[in-house]
Amino acid sequence: MTNDTRLTQLIQWLNDIAGLSEFSIEPASADASFRRYFRVVTTEASYIAMDAPPERENSQPFVEISSVFTKAGLCVPEVLQQDLQQGFLLLTDLGKVDYLSALNKDNVDRLYGDALSALVVIQTCTDKHYHFPSYSESLLNSEIQLFREWLLEKHLGLVLMPEDNDGVDRVAHLLIENAIQQPQVTVHRDYHSRNLMMFSAHNPGILDFQDAVRGPVTYDLVSLLRDCYIQWPREQIESWVKGYHDLAVQSGILRDENEGQFLRWFDLMGVQRHLKAAGIFARLNHRDGKPGYLKDIPRTLGYIEDVCLRYPELAPLQMLFKEKVMPVMKESMHGNES
């Protein structure tokens, strides 16, 4: 089924099921999955239509988590109409300006302050009628393997020696242990500047929450503060981390964890997330024909390099980066420029 066929069906659904007649429709955004979003504008209002092919995407979690988050007081798209069999949703529109477009050094403290306040709500968000799946050891490990399979082998063409693989495995074990020993909370799982919207009435608007799980307390924090799409000085990031630590203690999310322990959790959690993200960016290019994310790989790998230099137990990964990954990465970047 082609995209054009899906769009035709979506427009027909909007006419017949959603009760819209006179409207314009244009692409609003695409994300890193098989979902597409369209902005639907009538004379009275603007909406977002989601196209999520049911054989590729399950939209049920989006509908249910939207309800859970709304009840918790978070600003998320409201589901106005749904047809899960076809994979169509009609949503309220949270606007066109995301954090990535708006952030600068003058407003970052205020905007991140809003985002961190909302994060406290997410982390304490529970609902007896909805069970968030666990961010299990197997899921954490499978995400790390994306780095090995798609970035190292497919994108960079590296053939790892047994000692390289052993080193990655040891680091993976350490990162997974770090994740599961943390307090477990509700995790958005993609809490970054492209999924947070400027929304004057209730900032921020929060998108792309359908993969939420029950997992480590620092996961969303590192997604926000060590964002794959925008970078801030380490000293500033550590200051935000310490501030959030205090906020989490006051909110009852944390108990007696000290700042040093929390920063270690944060740093190592970031390595796990960035290994995953680098692998996904490579996969989006090679499997899905979406090369636009390749430019974000150097920033993502830079985060990993920085943390590896600060923790001796990450030495196997640091050596792999130094001797093999970064030299080949730099060659591939120069090749793309020429």
C-alpha atoms as a PDB file:
ATOM      1  CA  MET A   1       0.000   0.000   0.000  1.00  0.00           C
ATOM      2  CA  THR A   2       1.476   3.276  -1.073  1.00  0.00           C
ATOM      3  CA  ASN A   3       1.616   6.465   0.920  1.00  0.00           C
ATOM      4  CA  ASP A   4      -0.685   8.119  -1.630  1.00  0.00           C
ATOM      5  CA  THR A   5      -3.287   5.426  -1.053  1.00  0.00           C
ATOM      6  CA  ARG A   6      -3.032   5.944   2.695  1.00  0.00           C
ATOM      7  CA  LEU A   7      -3.466   9.691   2.283  1.00  0.00           C
ATOM      8  CA  THR A   8      -6.514   9.204   0.089  1.00  0.00           C
ATOM      9  CA  GLN A   9      -8.013   6.903   2.702  1.00  0.00           C
ATOM     10  CA  LEU A  10      -7.196   9.389   5.472  1.00  0.00           C
ATOM     11  CA  ILE A  11      -8.946  12.219   3.632  1.00  0.00           C
ATOM     12  CA  GLN A  12     -11.964   9.971   3.044  1.00  0.00           C
ATOM     13  CA  TRP A  13     -12.020   9.091   6.756  1.00  0.00           C
ATOM     14  CA  LEU A  14     -11.820  12.753   7.741  1.00  0.00           C
ATOM     15  CA  ASN A  15     -14.809  13.446   5.520  1.00  0.00           C
ATOM     16  CA  ASP A  16     -16.921  10.481   6.568  1.00  0.00           C
ATOM     17  CA  ILE A  17     -15.981   9.519  10.100  1.00  0.00           C
ATOM     18  CA  ALA A  18     -14.459  12.610  11.651  1.00  0.00           C
ATOM     19  CA  GLY A  19     -17.226  14.799  10.301  1.00  0.00           C
ATOM     20  CA  LEU A  20     -14.957  17.354   8.635  1.00  0.00           C
ATOM     21  CA  SER A  21     -15.985  18.698   5.270  1.00  0.00           C
ATOM     22  CA  GLU A  22     -14.268  21.900   4.177  1.00  0.00           C
ATOM     23  CA  PHE A  23     -10.603  21.621   5.164  1.00  0.00           C
ATOM     24  CA  SER A  24      -7.056  21.867   3.877  1.00  0.00           C
ATOM     25  CA  ILE A  25      -4.459  19.220   4.668  1.00  0.00           C
ATOM     26  CA  GLU A  26      -0.669  19.410   4.586  1.00  0.00           C
ATOM     27  CA  PRO A  27       2.239  17.449   6.088  1.00  0.00           C
ATOM     28  CA  ALA A  28       2.868  18.518   9.684  1.00  0.00           C
ATOM     29  CA  SER A  29       5.820  16.266  10.465  1.00  0.00           C
ATOM     30  CA  ALA A  30       7.177  12.788  10.088  1.00  0.00           C
ATOM     31  CA  ASP A  31       8.937  10.942  12.856  1.00  0.00           C
ATOM     32  CA  ALA A  32      11.461   8.154  13.117  1.00  0.00           C
ATOM     33  CA  SER A  33       8.802   5.471  12.806  1.00  0.00           C
ATOM     34  CA  PHE A  34       6.238   4.656  10.141  1.00  0.00           C
ATOM     35  CA  ARG A  35       3.796   7.243  11.512  1.00  0.00           C
ATOM     36  CA  ARG A  36       3.004  10.425   9.571  1.00  0.00           C
ATOM     37  CA  TYR A  37       1.258  13.545  10.778  1.00  0.00           C
ATOM     38  CA  PHE A  38      -0.849  16.008   8.792  1.00  0.00           C
ATOM     39  CA  ARG A  39      -2.185  19.416   9.791  1.00  0.00           C
ATOM     40  CA  VAL A  40      -5.892  19.668   8.994  1.00  0.00           C
ATOM     41  CA  VAL A  41      -7.224  23.227   8.913  1.00  0.00           C
ATOM     42  CA  THR A  42     -10.894  24.188   8.838  1.00  0.00           C
ATOM     43  CA  THR A  43     -12.448  27.631   9.074  1.00  0.00           C
ATOM     44  CA  GLU A  44     -12.921  27.100  12.815  1.00  0.00           C
ATOM     45  CA  ALA A  45      -9.831  25.242  14.005  1.00  0.00           C
ATOM     46  CA  SER A  46      -6.622  23.370  13.277  1.00  0.00           C
ATOM     47  CA  TYR A  47      -6.171  19.658  13.990  1.00  0.00           C
ATOM     48  CA  ILE A  48      -3.509  16.979  13.585  1.00  0.00           C
ATOM     49  CA  ALA A  49      -4.332  13.759  11.757  1.00  0.00           C
ATOM     50  CA  MET A  50      -2.088  10.784  12.493  1.00  0.00           C
ATOM     51  CA  ASP A  51      -1.551   8.116   9.858  1.00  0.00           C
ATOM     52  CA  ALA A  52      -0.133   4.989  11.522  1.00  0.00           C
ATOM     53  CA  PRO A  53      -0.396   1.906   9.284  1.00  0.00           C
ATOM     54  CA  PRO A  54      -1.794  -0.776  11.617  1.00  0.00           C
ATOM     55  CA  GLU A  55       0.493  -3.494  10.245  1.00  0.00           C
ATOM     56  CA  ARG A  56       3.466  -1.321  11.240  1.00  0.00           C
ATOM     57  CA  GLU A  57       2.303   0.672  14.271  1.00  0.00           C
ATOM     58  CA  ASN A  58      -0.028  -0.047  17.175  1.00  0.00           C
ATOM     59  CA  SER A  59      -1.875   3.178  18.039  1.00  0.00           C
ATOM     60  CA  GLN A  60      -3.700   1.798  21.069  1.00  0.00           C
ATOM     61  CA  PRO A  61      -0.920   2.834  23.525  1.00  0.00           C
ATOM     62  CA  PHE A  62      -1.020   6.391  22.143  1.00  0.00           C
ATOM     63  CA  VAL A  63      -4.747   6.635  22.820  1.00  0.00           C
ATOM     64  CA  GLU A  64      -4.492   5.176  26.315  1.00  0.00           C
ATOM     65  CA  ILE A  65      -1.395   7.083  27.434  1.00  0.00           C
ATOM     66  CA  SER A  66      -2.846  10.335  26.096  1.00  0.00           C
ATOM     67  CA  SER A  67      -5.746   9.798  28.473  1.00  0.00           C
ATOM     68  CA  VAL A  68      -3.461   8.909  31.409  1.00  0.00           C
ATOM     69  CA  PHE A  69      -1.221  11.942  30.873  1.00  0.00           C
ATOM     70  CA  THR A  70      -4.152  14.295  30.386  1.00  0.00           C
ATOM     71  CA  LYS A  71      -5.662  13.168  33.688  1.00  0.00           C
ATOM     72  CA  ALA A  72      -2.294  13.872  35.331  1.00  0.00           C
ATOM     73  CA  GLY A  73      -2.457  17.489  34.113  1.00  0.00           C
ATOM     74  CA  LEU A  74       0.091  17.218  31.314  1.00  0.00           C
ATOM     75  CA  CYS A  75      -0.352  19.037  28.011  1.00  0.00           C
ATOM     76  CA  VAL A  76      -0.617  16.345  25.332  1.00  0.00           C
ATOM     77  CA  PRO A  77      -2.686  15.985  22.157  1.00  0.00           C
ATOM     78  CA  GLU A  78      -6.254  14.983  22.913  1.00  0.00           C
ATOM     79  CA  VAL A  79      -7.686  12.160  20.813  1.00  0.00           C
ATOM     80  CA  LEU A  80     -10.833  13.564  19.193  1.00  0.00           C
ATOM     81  CA  GLN A  81     -11.598  10.713  16.800  1.00  0.00           C
ATOM     82  CA  GLN A  82     -10.019   7.305  16.297  1.00  0.00           C
ATOM     83  CA  ASP A  83     -10.102   4.394  13.904  1.00  0.00           C
ATOM     84  CA  LEU A  84      -7.525   1.899  15.139  1.00  0.00           C
ATOM     85  CA  GLN A  85      -8.454  -0.652  12.501  1.00  0.00           C
ATOM     86  CA  GLN A  86      -7.342   1.737   9.756  1.00  0.00           C
ATOM     87  CA  GLY A  87      -4.673   3.400  11.908  1.00  0.00           C
ATOM     88  CA  PHE A  88      -6.099   6.935  11.832  1.00  0.00           C
ATOM     89  CA  LEU A  89      -6.392   9.410  14.710  1.00  0.00           C
ATOM     90  CA  LEU A  90      -7.646  12.994  14.801  1.00  0.00           C
ATOM     91  CA  LEU A  91      -5.871  15.012  17.505  1.00  0.00           C
ATOM     92  CA  THR A  92      -5.828  18.501  18.916  1.00  0.00           C
ATOM     93  CA  ASP A  93      -3.037  20.650  17.471  1.00  0.00           C
ATOM     94  CA  LEU A  94      -0.286  21.844  19.835  1.00  0.00           C
ATOM     95  CA  GLY A  95       1.178  24.230  17.271  1.00  0.00           C
ATOM     96  CA  LYS A  96       4.156  24.455  14.953  1.00  0.00           C
ATOM     97  CA  VAL A  97       7.019  25.638  17.199  1.00  0.00           C
ATOM     98  CA  ASP A  98       9.043  22.963  18.966  1.00  0.00           C
ATOM     99  CA  TYR A  99      11.710  23.486  21.610  1.00  0.00           C
ATOM    100  CA  LEU A 100      14.494  22.864  19.111  1.00  0.00           C
ATOM    101  CA  SER A 101      13.356  25.861  17.046  1.00  0.00           C
ATOM    102  CA  ALA A 102      12.864  28.113  20.075  1.00  0.00           C
ATOM    103  CA  LEU A 103      15.747  27.323  22.433  1.00  0.00           C
ATOM    104  CA  ASN A 104      18.565  29.817  22.897  1.00  0.00           C
ATOM    105  CA  LYS A 105      20.960  30.729  25.705  1.00  0.00           C
ATOM    106  CA  ASP A 106      18.600  33.436  26.971  1.00  0.00           C
ATOM    107  CA  ASN A 107      15.473  31.294  27.360  1.00  0.00           C
ATOM    108  CA  VAL A 108      16.913  27.817  27.984  1.00  0.00           C
ATOM    109  CA  ASP A 109      16.710  27.985  31.781  1.00  0.00           C
ATOM    110  CA  ARG A 110      13.041  28.976  31.652  1.00  0.00           C
ATOM    111  CA  LEU A 111      12.051  26.454  28.988  1.00  0.00           C
ATOM    112  CA  TYR A 112      13.972  23.608  30.595  1.00  0.00           C
ATOM    113  CA  GLY A 113      12.470  24.615  33.925  1.00  0.00           C
ATOM    114  CA  ASP A 114       9.018  24.073  32.409  1.00  0.00           C
ATOM    115  CA  ALA A 115      10.120  20.766  30.881  1.00  0.00           C
ATOM    116  CA  LEU A 116      11.637  19.529  34.152  1.00  0.00           C
ATOM    117  CA  SER A 117       8.481  20.429  36.072  1.00  0.00           C
ATOM    118  CA  ALA A 118       6.452  18.421  33.555  1.00  0.00           C
ATOM    119  CA  LEU A 119       8.950  15.568  33.861  1.00  0.00           C
ATOM    120  CA  VAL A 120       8.271  15.314  37.596  1.00  0.00           C
ATOM    121  CA  VAL A 121       4.588  14.842  36.732  1.00  0.00           C
ATOM    122  CA  ILE A 122       5.417  12.153  34.152  1.00  0.00           C
ATOM    123  CA  GLN A 123       7.652  10.281  36.584  1.00  0.00           C
ATOM    124  CA  THR A 124       4.984  10.213  39.270  1.00  0.00           C
ATOM    125  CA  CYS A 125       2.247   9.382  36.753  1.00  0.00           C
ATOM    126  CA  THR A 126       0.432   6.165  37.548  1.00  0.00           C
ATOM    127  CA  ASP A 127      -2.976   4.871  36.596  1.00  0.00           C
ATOM    128  CA  LYS A 128      -4.586   1.723  37.952  1.00  0.00           C
ATOM    129  CA  HIS A 129      -6.250   1.195  34.571  1.00  0.00           C
ATOM    130  CA  TYR A 130      -3.011   1.344  32.521  1.00  0.00           C
ATOM    131  CA  HIS A 131       0.082  -0.780  32.995  1.00  0.00           C
ATOM    132  CA  PHE A 132       3.279   0.743  31.605  1.00  0.00           C
ATOM    133  CA  PRO A 133       5.506  -2.091  30.334  1.00  0.00           C
ATOM    134  CA  SER A 134       8.874  -2.600  31.995  1.00  0.00           C
ATOM    135  CA  TYR A 135      12.089  -1.205  30.521  1.00  0.00           C
ATOM    136  CA  SER A 136      13.527  -4.695  30.833  1.00  0.00           C
ATOM    137  CA  GLU A 137      17.135  -5.871  30.708  1.00  0.00           C
ATOM    138  CA  SER A 138      16.474  -7.525  27.356  1.00  0.00           C
ATOM    139  CA  LEU A 139      15.056  -4.301  25.893  1.00  0.00           C
ATOM    140  CA  LEU A 140      17.956  -2.229  27.215  1.00  0.00           C
ATOM    141  CA  ASN A 141      20.413  -4.730  25.730  1.00  0.00           C
ATOM    142  CA  SER A 142      18.637  -4.924  22.371  1.00  0.00           C
ATOM    143  CA  GLU A 143      18.909  -1.133  22.102  1.00  0.00           C
ATOM    144  CA  ILE A 144      22.669  -1.265  22.695  1.00  0.00           C
ATOM    145  CA  GLN A 145      22.981  -3.921  19.985  1.00  0.00           C
ATOM    146  CA  LEU A 146      21.523  -1.444  17.482  1.00  0.00           C
ATOM    147  CA  PHE A 147      24.822   0.442  17.819  1.00  0.00           C
ATOM    148  CA  ARG A 148      26.867  -2.633  16.989  1.00  0.00           C
ATOM    149  CA  GLU A 149      24.662  -3.845  14.149  1.00  0.00           C
ATOM    150  CA  TRP A 150      23.681  -0.631  12.393  1.00  0.00           C
ATOM    151  CA  LEU A 151      26.374   1.927  13.161  1.00  0.00           C
ATOM    152  CA  LEU A 152      29.529  -0.150  13.512  1.00  0.00           C
ATOM    153  CA  GLU A 153      28.853  -2.944  11.055  1.00  0.00           C
ATOM    154  CA  LYS A 154      26.395  -1.525   8.516  1.00  0.00           C
ATOM    155  CA  HIS A 155      27.249   2.181   8.467  1.00  0.00           C
ATOM    156  CA  LEU A 156      30.976   2.198   9.210  1.00  0.00           C
ATOM    157  CA  GLY A 157      31.746  -1.262   7.820  1.00  0.00           C
ATOM    158  CA  LEU A 158      33.775  -2.260  10.861  1.00  0.00           C
ATOM    159  CA  VAL A 159      34.623  -5.889  11.523  1.00  0.00           C
ATOM    160  CA  LEU A 160      35.062  -6.197  15.269  1.00  0.00           C
ATOM    161  CA  MET A 161      37.677  -8.492  16.751  1.00  0.00           C
ATOM    162  CA  PRO A 162      36.644 -10.870  19.559  1.00  0.00           C
ATOM    163  CA  GLU A 163      38.270  -8.590  22.127  1.00  0.00           C
ATOM    164  CA  ASP A 164      36.251  -5.643  20.761  1.00  0.00           C
ATOM    165  CA  ASN A 165      33.007  -7.552  21.104  1.00  0.00           C
ATOM    166  CA  ASP A 166      33.962  -8.698  24.598  1.00  0.00           C
ATOM    167  CA  GLY A 167      34.644  -5.086  25.564  1.00  0.00           C
ATOM    168  CA  VAL A 168      31.283  -3.899  24.227  1.00  0.00           C
ATOM    169  CA  ASP A 169      29.558  -6.748  26.062  1.00  0.00           C
ATOM    170  CA  ARG A 170      31.236  -5.819  29.378  1.00  0.00           C
ATOM    171  CA  VAL A 171      30.237  -2.182  28.999  1.00  0.00           C
ATOM    172  CA  ALA A 172      26.697  -3.185  27.998  1.00  0.00           C
ATOM    173  CA  HIS A 173      26.402  -5.266  31.185  1.00  0.00           C
ATOM    174  CA  LEU A 174      27.574  -2.293  33.256  1.00  0.00           C
ATOM    175  CA  LEU A 175      25.123   0.079  31.573  1.00  0.00           C
ATOM    176  CA  ILE A 176      22.188  -2.279  32.049  1.00  0.00           C
ATOM    177  CA  GLU A 177      23.050  -2.786  35.726  1.00  0.00           C
ATOM    178  CA  ASN A 178      23.213   0.985  36.120  1.00  0.00           C
ATOM    179  CA  ALA A 179      19.731   1.324  34.623  1.00  0.00           C
ATOM    180  CA  ILE A 180      17.974  -1.333  36.673  1.00  0.00           C
ATOM    181  CA  GLN A 181      19.479  -0.263  40.019  1.00  0.00           C
ATOM    182  CA  GLN A 182      17.900   3.186  39.713  1.00  0.00           C
ATOM    183  CA  PRO A 183      14.462   4.054  41.117  1.00  0.00           C
ATOM    184  CA  GLN A 184      11.899   3.001  38.501  1.00  0.00           C
ATOM    185  CA  VAL A 185       9.408   5.617  37.304  1.00  0.00           C
ATOM    186  CA  THR A 186       7.216   6.321  34.292  1.00  0.00           C
ATOM    187  CA  VAL A 187       9.543   7.061  31.351  1.00  0.00           C
ATOM    188  CA  HIS A 188       8.399   8.980  28.252  1.00  0.00           C
ATOM    189  CA  ARG A 189      11.377   7.477  26.373  1.00  0.00           C
ATOM    190  CA  ASP A 190      11.835  10.268  23.813  1.00  0.00           C
ATOM    191  CA  TYR A 191      11.738  13.397  25.936  1.00  0.00           C
ATOM    192  CA  HIS A 192      13.748  15.847  23.832  1.00  0.00           C
ATOM    193  CA  SER A 193      13.555  19.159  21.992  1.00  0.00           C
ATOM    194  CA  ARG A 194      11.744  17.825  18.915  1.00  0.00           C
ATOM    195  CA  ASN A 195       8.946  16.318  20.999  1.00  0.00           C
ATOM    196  CA  LEU A 196       8.351  19.328  23.253  1.00  0.00           C
ATOM    197  CA  MET A 197       6.218  22.129  21.849  1.00  0.00           C
ATOM    198  CA  MET A 198       5.965  25.794  22.732  1.00  0.00           C
ATOM    199  CA  PHE A 199       2.447  26.046  24.086  1.00  0.00           C
ATOM    200  CA  SER A 200       1.689  29.331  25.812  1.00  0.00           C
ATOM    201  CA  ALA A 201      -1.259  28.140  27.853  1.00  0.00           C
ATOM    202  CA  HIS A 202       0.508  25.150  29.358  1.00  0.00           C
ATOM    203  CA  ASN A 203       4.167  24.838  28.385  1.00  0.00           C
ATOM    204  CA  PRO A 204       5.448  22.438  27.166  1.00  0.00           C
ATOM    205  CA  GLY A 205       3.197  20.480  24.877  1.00  0.00           C
ATOM    206  CA  ILE A 206       4.401  16.881  24.890  1.00  0.00           C
ATOM    207  CA  LEU A 207       4.380  14.614  21.818  1.00  0.00           C
ATOM    208  CA  ASP A 208       5.457  11.078  20.871  1.00  0.00           C
ATOM    209  CA  PHE A 209       4.741   9.406  24.206  1.00  0.00           C
ATOM    210  CA  GLN A 210       3.284   6.144  22.892  1.00  0.00           C
ATOM    211  CA  ASP A 211       6.384   4.103  23.803  1.00  0.00           C
ATOM    212  CA  ALA A 212       6.308   5.096  27.487  1.00  0.00           C
ATOM    213  CA  VAL A 213       7.543   2.440  29.929  1.00  0.00           C
ATOM    214  CA  ARG A 214       8.391   1.909  33.570  1.00  0.00           C
ATOM    215  CA  GLY A 215      12.134   2.455  33.834  1.00  0.00           C
ATOM    216  CA  PRO A 216      15.157   4.314  35.223  1.00  0.00           C
ATOM    217  CA  VAL A 217      14.704   7.749  36.764  1.00  0.00           C
ATOM    218  CA  THR A 218      17.510   9.415  34.760  1.00  0.00           C
ATOM    219  CA  TYR A 219      16.435   8.232  31.300  1.00  0.00           C
ATOM    220  CA  ASP A 220      14.177  11.117  30.302  1.00  0.00           C
ATOM    221  CA  LEU A 221      16.455  13.577  32.086  1.00  0.00           C
ATOM    222  CA  VAL A 222      19.410  12.619  29.913  1.00  0.00           C
ATOM    223  CA  SER A 223      17.195  12.652  26.803  1.00  0.00           C
ATOM    224  CA  LEU A 224      16.347  16.274  27.544  1.00  0.00           C
ATOM    225  CA  LEU A 225      19.675  17.618  28.807  1.00  0.00           C
ATOM    226  CA  ARG A 226      22.022  15.650  26.527  1.00  0.00           C
ATOM    227  CA  ASP A 227      19.768  16.035  23.534  1.00  0.00           C
ATOM    228  CA  CYS A 228      20.923  14.421  20.285  1.00  0.00           C
ATOM    229  CA  TYR A 229      19.770  17.547  18.393  1.00  0.00           C
ATOM    230  CA  ILE A 230      21.154  20.420  20.491  1.00  0.00           C
ATOM    231  CA  GLN A 231      24.116  20.670  22.876  1.00  0.00           C
ATOM    232  CA  TRP A 232      24.871  22.696  26.005  1.00  0.00           C
ATOM    233  CA  PRO A 233      28.092  23.080  28.045  1.00  0.00           C
ATOM    234  CA  ARG A 234      28.758  20.222  30.458  1.00  0.00           C
ATOM    235  CA  GLU A 235      28.944  22.555  33.473  1.00  0.00           C
ATOM    236  CA  GLN A 236      25.475  23.900  32.658  1.00  0.00           C
ATOM    237  CA  ILE A 237      24.091  20.391  32.221  1.00  0.00           C
ATOM    238  CA  GLU A 238      25.496  19.252  35.561  1.00  0.00           C
ATOM    239  CA  SER A 239      23.923  22.259  37.241  1.00  0.00           C
ATOM    240  CA  TRP A 240      20.517  21.299  35.803  1.00  0.00           C
ATOM    241  CA  VAL A 241      21.048  17.683  36.883  1.00  0.00           C
ATOM    242  CA  LYS A 242      21.764  18.762  40.466  1.00  0.00           C
ATOM    243  CA  GLY A 243      18.715  21.009  40.445  1.00  0.00           C
ATOM    244  CA  TYR A 244      16.548  18.167  39.211  1.00  0.00           C
ATOM    245  CA  HIS A 245      18.005  15.861  41.854  1.00  0.00           C
ATOM    246  CA  ASP A 246      16.809  18.261  44.535  1.00  0.00           C
ATOM    247  CA  LEU A 247      13.396  18.601  42.866  1.00  0.00           C
ATOM    248  CA  ALA A 248      13.034  14.813  42.671  1.00  0.00           C
ATOM    249  CA  VAL A 249      13.905  14.470  46.371  1.00  0.00           C
ATOM    250  CA  GLN A 250      11.295  17.093  47.274  1.00  0.00           C
ATOM    251  CA  SER A 251       8.715  15.280  45.106  1.00  0.00           C
ATOM    252  CA  GLY A 252       9.411  11.903  46.691  1.00  0.00           C
ATOM    253  CA  ILE A 253      10.805  10.410  43.478  1.00  0.00           C
ATOM    254  CA  LEU A 254      14.207  10.005  45.142  1.00  0.00           C
ATOM    255  CA  ARG A 255      14.900   9.192  48.753  1.00  0.00           C
ATOM    256  CA  ASP A 256      18.462   9.241  50.029  1.00  0.00           C
ATOM    257  CA  GLU A 257      20.493   9.149  46.807  1.00  0.00           C
ATOM    258  CA  ASN A 258      23.316  11.677  46.905  1.00  0.00           C
ATOM    259  CA  GLU A 259      24.204  14.008  44.040  1.00  0.00           C
ATOM    260  CA  GLY A 260      27.346  12.074  43.127  1.00  0.00           C
ATOM    261  CA  GLN A 261      25.450   8.813  42.771  1.00  0.00           C
ATOM    262  CA  PHE A 262      22.711  10.537  40.781  1.00  0.00           C
ATOM    263  CA  LEU A 263      25.235  12.106  38.378  1.00  0.00           C
ATOM    264  CA  ARG A 264      26.846   8.699  37.792  1.00  0.00           C
ATOM    265  CA  TRP A 265      23.435   7.215  37.046  1.00  0.00           C
ATOM    266  CA  PHE A 266      22.797  10.101  34.645  1.00  0.00           C
ATOM    267  CA  ASP A 267      26.152   9.806  32.863  1.00  0.00           C
ATOM    268  CA  LEU A 268      25.985   6.039  32.346  1.00  0.00           C
ATOM    269  CA  MET A 269      22.328   6.169  31.357  1.00  0.00           C
ATOM    270  CA  GLY A 270      23.327   8.673  28.695  1.00  0.00           C
ATOM    271  CA  VAL A 271      25.873   6.249  27.236  1.00  0.00           C
ATOM    272  CA  GLN A 272      23.180   3.579  26.880  1.00  0.00           C
ATOM    273  CA  ARG A 273      20.749   6.017  25.268  1.00  0.00           C
ATOM    274  CA  HIS A 274      23.325   7.489  22.901  1.00  0.00           C
ATOM    275  CA  LEU A 275      24.555   4.074  21.765  1.00  0.00           C
ATOM    276  CA  LYS A 276      20.930   3.275  20.960  1.00  0.00           C
ATOM    277  CA  ALA A 277      20.336   6.624  19.215  1.00  0.00           C
ATOM    278  CA  ALA A 278      23.465   6.370  17.062  1.00  0.00           C
ATOM    279  CA  GLY A 279      22.363   2.911  15.941  1.00  0.00           C
ATOM    280  CA  ILE A 280      18.850   4.129  15.178  1.00  0.00           C
ATOM    281  CA  PHE A 281      20.146   7.102  13.182  1.00  0.00           C
ATOM    282  CA  ALA A 282      22.227   4.720  11.057  1.00  0.00           C
ATOM    283  CA  ARG A 283      19.271   2.347  10.657  1.00  0.00           C
ATOM    284  CA  LEU A 284      16.992   5.193   9.572  1.00  0.00           C
ATOM    285  CA  ASN A 285      19.433   5.917   6.771  1.00  0.00           C
ATOM    286  CA  HIS A 286      20.168   2.384   5.574  1.00  0.00           C
ATOM    287  CA  ARG A 287      16.849   0.621   6.182  1.00  0.00           C
ATOM    288  CA  ASP A 288      14.274   3.398   5.982  1.00  0.00           C
ATOM    289  CA  GLY A 289      15.821   5.810   3.484  1.00  0.00           C
ATOM    290  CA  LYS A 290      15.934   8.722   5.946  1.00  0.00           C
ATOM    291  CA  PRO A 291      19.474  10.178   5.723  1.00  0.00           C
ATOM    292  CA  GLY A 292      18.610  13.412   7.550  1.00  0.00           C
ATOM    293  CA  TYR A 293      19.574  11.947  10.930  1.00  0.00           C
ATOM    294  CA  LEU A 294      23.169  11.169   9.893  1.00  0.00           C
ATOM    295  CA  LYS A 295      24.230  14.714  10.756  1.00  0.00           C
ATOM    296  CA  ASP A 296      23.236  14.096  14.382  1.00  0.00           C
ATOM    297  CA  ILE A 297      25.517  11.070  14.824  1.00  0.00           C
ATOM    298  CA  PRO A 298      28.758  13.024  15.546  1.00  0.00           C
ATOM    299  CA  ARG A 299      27.089  14.987  18.361  1.00  0.00           C
ATOM    300  CA  THR A 300      25.631  11.771  19.772  1.00  0.00           C
ATOM    301  CA  LEU A 301      28.977   9.959  19.670  1.00  0.00           C
ATOM    302  CA  GLY A 302      30.673  12.995  21.207  1.00  0.00           C
ATOM    303  CA  TYR A 303      28.530  12.610  24.321  1.00  0.00           C
ATOM    304  CA  ILE A 304      29.670   8.991  24.629  1.00  0.00           C
ATOM    305  CA  GLU A 305      33.341   9.911  24.192  1.00  0.00           C
ATOM    306  CA  ASP A 306      33.111  12.594  26.864  1.00  0.00           C
ATOM    307  CA  VAL A 307      31.568  10.272  29.450  1.00  0.00           C
ATOM    308  CA  CYS A 308      33.960   7.422  28.642  1.00  0.00           C
ATOM    309  CA  LEU A 309      36.919   9.638  29.521  1.00  0.00           C
ATOM    310  CA  ARG A 310      35.439  10.247  32.989  1.00  0.00           C
ATOM    311  CA  TYR A 311      34.764   6.635  34.000  1.00  0.00           C
ATOM    312  CA  PRO A 312      37.636   4.088  33.923  1.00  0.00           C
ATOM    313  CA  GLU A 313      35.165   1.190  33.736  1.00  0.00           C
ATOM    314  CA  LEU A 314      34.168   2.407  30.275  1.00  0.00           C
ATOM    315  CA  ALA A 315      37.753   2.012  28.990  1.00  0.00           C
ATOM    316  CA  PRO A 316      36.907  -0.818  26.527  1.00  0.00           C
ATOM    317  CA  LEU A 317      34.392   1.422  24.789  1.00  0.00           C
ATOM    318  CA  GLN A 318      36.699   4.416  24.949  1.00  0.00           C
ATOM    319  CA  MET A 319      39.495   2.419  23.245  1.00  0.00           C
ATOM    320  CA  LEU A 320      37.138   1.152  20.562  1.00  0.00           C
ATOM    321  CA  PHE A 321      36.081   4.716  19.841  1.00  0.00           C
ATOM    322  CA  LYS A 322      39.631   6.022  19.796  1.00  0.00           C
ATOM    323  CA  GLU A 323      41.161   3.293  17.654  1.00  0.00           C
ATOM    324  CA  LYS A 324      38.372   2.342  15.252  1.00  0.00           C
ATOM    325  CA  VAL A 325      35.069   4.183  15.459  1.00  0.00           C
ATOM    326  CA  MET A 326      36.085   7.827  15.323  1.00  0.00           C
ATOM    327  CA  PRO A 327      38.813   7.484  12.647  1.00  0.00           C
ATOM    328  CA  VAL A 328      36.377   5.707  10.313  1.00  0.00           C
ATOM    329  CA  MET A 329      33.606   8.131  11.276  1.00  0.00           C
ATOM    330  CA  LYS A 330      35.767  11.110  10.320  1.00  0.00           C
ATOM    331  CA  GLU A 331      36.645   9.468   6.995  1.00  0.00           C
ATOM    332  CA  SER A 332      32.984   8.862   6.214  1.00  0.00           C
ATOM    333  CA  MET A 333      32.119  12.474   7.052  1.00  0.00           C
ATOM    334  CA  HIS A 334      34.831  13.799   4.762  1.00  0.00           C
ATOM    335  CA  GLY A 335      33.593  11.441   2.062  1.00  0.00           C
ATOM    336  CA  ASN A 336      30.067  12.809   2.370  1.00  0.00           C
ATOM    337  CA  GLU A 337      31.335  16.403   2.118  1.00  0.00           C
ATOM    338  CA  SER A 338      33.249  15.740  -1.085  1.00  0.00           C
END
